[in-house]
Every structure is written in C-alpha cells, then in structure tokens.
Amino acid sequence: MEAELVEKVLAYIRRGDYYLEERRFDMAYNAYMDALYTIGAYLVYLDTGLLMSAREMVGILKSRHPEVYGVVSRYAGIASFDEESVGSLGEEIKRLRDSLLSRKGER
C-alpha cells in the first residue's frame, strides 16, 4: 500500500507540472491538491494503518504533521488560479515530496 501511495503522489505531481507548463492553472491546482491529500493519506496510513478521507484525516495532520496541514490550510479552497499561486503550491508539494521520500528511505 505504501509504494502505491508514493507512486500516486509522484504521478499527481507530474500531472500538475504538465498542466502548469500548459498554463492550465485550474487543472494543475487540482493535480497538486490530489498529490497533497495523497501525501497526507500516506502519513496518516503510516501512523494508524488506516486509509481515511481528506475530511477524516485533517485532525491527525493538524496534530501529527503540521507542515502538511499548513499547506492544506493555505491552499484548500482558493478560488483564483494563477501562475504564481499554483506554482507556489507546486513548489511546496515538491518540498513535502522530498521530505516524504527521505523519510521513506530511512525506514
């Protein structure tokens, strides 16, 4: 399950990068948010052994993974998609990805 979640994160990021390059900011935003929620699901799965919906895992992310929760709270529900905001989201997702992969390598 862990490997599948990591692969999903990487696929969502690739998709977000593609859409950002194509200047389809709404699609890039959705792909990056999917990556973000999948990172959250992965971390919650490691903590609890359970897969949870985004709504269910927010409390766990807030208490155990505040760095991920912070990104979720900053970007969830934004209504205006522009290159700067979506690009910034992508950079934060990639920083979390790198942290996730280094953590996975330690296991």
C-alpha atoms as a PDB file:
ATOM      1  CA  MET A   1       0.000   0.000   0.000  1.00  0.00           C
ATOM      2  CA  GLU A   2       2.812   2.395   0.862  1.00  0.00           C
ATOM      3  CA  ALA A   3       4.502   2.024  -2.528  1.00  0.00           C
ATOM      4  CA  GLU A   4       1.198   2.594  -4.325  1.00  0.00           C
ATOM      5  CA  LEU A   5       0.536   5.798  -2.398  1.00  0.00           C
ATOM      6  CA  VAL A   6       4.019   7.134  -3.136  1.00  0.00           C
ATOM      7  CA  GLU A   7       3.591   6.320  -6.830  1.00  0.00           C
ATOM      8  CA  LYS A   8       0.261   8.169  -6.837  1.00  0.00           C
ATOM      9  CA  VAL A   9       1.925  11.225  -5.298  1.00  0.00           C
ATOM     10  CA  LEU A  10       4.610  11.209  -7.982  1.00  0.00           C
ATOM     11  CA  ALA A  11       2.038  10.773 -10.767  1.00  0.00           C
ATOM     12  CA  TYR A  12      -0.094  13.658  -9.474  1.00  0.00           C
ATOM     13  CA  ILE A  13       2.974  15.898  -9.295  1.00  0.00           C
ATOM     14  CA  ARG A  14       3.974  15.026 -12.866  1.00  0.00           C
ATOM     15  CA  ARG A  15       0.429  15.787 -13.994  1.00  0.00           C
ATOM     16  CA  GLY A  16       0.439  19.092 -12.103  1.00  0.00           C
ATOM     17  CA  ASP A  17       3.764  20.058 -13.671  1.00  0.00           C
ATOM     18  CA  TYR A  18       2.418  19.262 -17.129  1.00  0.00           C
ATOM     19  CA  TYR A  19      -0.720  21.332 -16.640  1.00  0.00           C
ATOM     20  CA  LEU A  20       1.263  24.212 -15.153  1.00  0.00           C
ATOM     21  CA  GLU A  21       3.559  24.197 -18.174  1.00  0.00           C
ATOM     22  CA  GLU A  22       0.474  24.217 -20.408  1.00  0.00           C
ATOM     23  CA  ARG A  23      -0.864  27.176 -18.364  1.00  0.00           C
ATOM     24  CA  ARG A  24      -3.960  25.217 -17.343  1.00  0.00           C
ATOM     25  CA  PHE A  25      -3.803  26.504 -13.807  1.00  0.00           C
ATOM     26  CA  ASP A  26      -7.093  25.039 -12.567  1.00  0.00           C
ATOM     27  CA  MET A  27      -6.063  21.552 -13.699  1.00  0.00           C
ATOM     28  CA  ALA A  28      -2.569  21.983 -12.217  1.00  0.00           C
ATOM     29  CA  TYR A  29      -4.120  23.103  -8.914  1.00  0.00           C
ATOM     30  CA  ASN A  30      -6.354  20.016  -8.804  1.00  0.00           C
ATOM     31  CA  ALA A  31      -3.456  17.663  -9.560  1.00  0.00           C
ATOM     32  CA  TYR A  32      -1.221  19.281  -6.937  1.00  0.00           C
ATOM     33  CA  MET A  33      -4.013  19.163  -4.340  1.00  0.00           C
ATOM     34  CA  ASP A  34      -4.521  15.472  -5.146  1.00  0.00           C
ATOM     35  CA  ALA A  35      -0.792  14.992  -4.510  1.00  0.00           C
ATOM     36  CA  LEU A  36      -1.059  16.912  -1.238  1.00  0.00           C
ATOM     37  CA  TYR A  37      -4.003  14.885   0.033  1.00  0.00           C
ATOM     38  CA  THR A  38      -2.264  11.671  -1.010  1.00  0.00           C
ATOM     39  CA  ILE A  39       0.830  12.717   0.953  1.00  0.00           C
ATOM     40  CA  GLY A  40      -1.468  13.275   3.918  1.00  0.00           C
ATOM     41  CA  ALA A  41      -3.127   9.897   3.394  1.00  0.00           C
ATOM     42  CA  TYR A  42       0.283   8.225   3.254  1.00  0.00           C
ATOM     43  CA  LEU A  43       1.434   9.812   6.515  1.00  0.00           C
ATOM     44  CA  VAL A  44      -1.833   9.002   8.290  1.00  0.00           C
ATOM     45  CA  TYR A  45      -1.622   5.442   6.967  1.00  0.00           C
ATOM     46  CA  LEU A  46       1.876   5.097   8.432  1.00  0.00           C
ATOM     47  CA  ASP A  47       0.602   6.431  11.771  1.00  0.00           C
ATOM     48  CA  THR A  48      -2.653   4.488  12.020  1.00  0.00           C
ATOM     49  CA  GLY A  49      -2.624   1.680   9.471  1.00  0.00           C
ATOM     50  CA  LEU A  50      -5.879   3.117   8.080  1.00  0.00           C
ATOM     51  CA  LEU A  51      -6.765   4.960   4.908  1.00  0.00           C
ATOM     52  CA  MET A  52      -9.030   7.916   5.630  1.00  0.00           C
ATOM     53  CA  SER A  53     -10.893  10.517   3.640  1.00  0.00           C
ATOM     54  CA  ALA A  54      -9.467  14.030   3.492  1.00  0.00           C
ATOM     55  CA  ARG A  55     -12.071  15.245   5.971  1.00  0.00           C
ATOM     56  CA  GLU A  56     -11.250  12.483   8.465  1.00  0.00           C
ATOM     57  CA  MET A  57      -7.501  12.905   8.315  1.00  0.00           C
ATOM     58  CA  VAL A  58      -7.347  16.690   8.806  1.00  0.00           C
ATOM     59  CA  GLY A  59      -7.298  16.418  12.603  1.00  0.00           C
ATOM     60  CA  ILE A  60      -4.484  13.878  12.539  1.00  0.00           C
ATOM     61  CA  LEU A  61      -2.498  16.010  10.111  1.00  0.00           C
ATOM     62  CA  LYS A  62      -3.007  19.070  12.295  1.00  0.00           C
ATOM     63  CA  SER A  63      -1.655  17.337  15.393  1.00  0.00           C
ATOM     64  CA  ARG A  64       0.976  14.981  13.948  1.00  0.00           C
ATOM     65  CA  HIS A  65       2.035  16.568  10.664  1.00  0.00           C
ATOM     66  CA  PRO A  66       1.599  20.343  10.986  1.00  0.00           C
ATOM     67  CA  GLU A  67       3.800  21.034   7.954  1.00  0.00           C
ATOM     68  CA  VAL A  68       1.354  19.163   5.706  1.00  0.00           C
ATOM     69  CA  TYR A  69      -1.663  20.624   7.488  1.00  0.00           C
ATOM     70  CA  GLY A  70      -0.240  24.114   6.967  1.00  0.00           C
ATOM     71  CA  VAL A  71      -0.042  23.636   3.210  1.00  0.00           C
ATOM     72  CA  VAL A  72      -3.568  22.179   3.125  1.00  0.00           C
ATOM     73  CA  SER A  73      -4.977  25.112   5.089  1.00  0.00           C
ATOM     74  CA  ARG A  74      -3.191  27.683   2.906  1.00  0.00           C
ATOM     75  CA  TYR A  75      -4.317  26.288  -0.435  1.00  0.00           C
ATOM     76  CA  ALA A  76      -7.590  24.380   0.091  1.00  0.00           C
ATOM     77  CA  GLY A  77     -10.490  26.290  -1.344  1.00  0.00           C
ATOM     78  CA  ILE A  78      -8.630  29.000  -3.232  1.00  0.00           C
ATOM     79  CA  ALA A  79     -10.839  30.345  -5.975  1.00  0.00           C
ATOM     80  CA  SER A  80      -8.388  32.196  -8.197  1.00  0.00           C
ATOM     81  CA  PHE A  81      -5.876  30.082 -10.060  1.00  0.00           C
ATOM     82  CA  ASP A  82      -2.892  31.983 -11.400  1.00  0.00           C
ATOM     83  CA  GLU A  83       0.637  31.004 -12.289  1.00  0.00           C
ATOM     84  CA  GLU A  84       2.125  32.423  -9.099  1.00  0.00           C
ATOM     85  CA  SER A  85      -0.217  30.734  -6.615  1.00  0.00           C
ATOM     86  CA  VAL A  86      -0.317  27.376  -8.401  1.00  0.00           C
ATOM     87  CA  GLY A  87       3.445  27.449  -8.970  1.00  0.00           C
ATOM     88  CA  SER A  88       3.961  28.166  -5.274  1.00  0.00           C
ATOM     89  CA  LEU A  89       1.686  25.252  -4.365  1.00  0.00           C
ATOM     90  CA  GLY A  90       3.703  23.000  -6.685  1.00  0.00           C
ATOM     91  CA  GLU A  91       6.953  24.019  -5.007  1.00  0.00           C
ATOM     92  CA  GLU A  92       5.538  23.297  -1.552  1.00  0.00           C
ATOM     93  CA  ILE A  93       4.289  19.901  -2.735  1.00  0.00           C
ATOM     94  CA  LYS A  94       7.735  19.063  -4.112  1.00  0.00           C
ATOM     95  CA  ARG A  95       9.345  20.059  -0.814  1.00  0.00           C
ATOM     96  CA  LEU A  96       6.932  17.734   1.012  1.00  0.00           C
ATOM     97  CA  ARG A  97       7.618  15.005  -1.575  1.00  0.00           C
ATOM     98  CA  ASP A  98      11.353  15.269  -0.966  1.00  0.00           C
ATOM     99  CA  SER A  99      10.795  15.068   2.783  1.00  0.00           C
ATOM    100  CA  LEU A 100       8.494  12.080   2.311  1.00  0.00           C
ATOM    101  CA  LEU A 101      10.986  10.240   0.107  1.00  0.00           C
ATOM    102  CA  SER A 102      13.862  10.874   2.518  1.00  0.00           C
ATOM    103  CA  ARG A 103      11.682   9.634   5.388  1.00  0.00           C
ATOM    104  CA  LYS A 104      10.756   6.552   3.342  1.00  0.00           C
ATOM    105  CA  GLY A 105      14.459   5.893   2.713  1.00  0.00           C
ATOM    106  CA  GLU A 106      15.108   5.898   6.462  1.00  0.00           C
ATOM    107  CA  ARG A 107      12.548   3.141   7.063  1.00  0.00           C
END
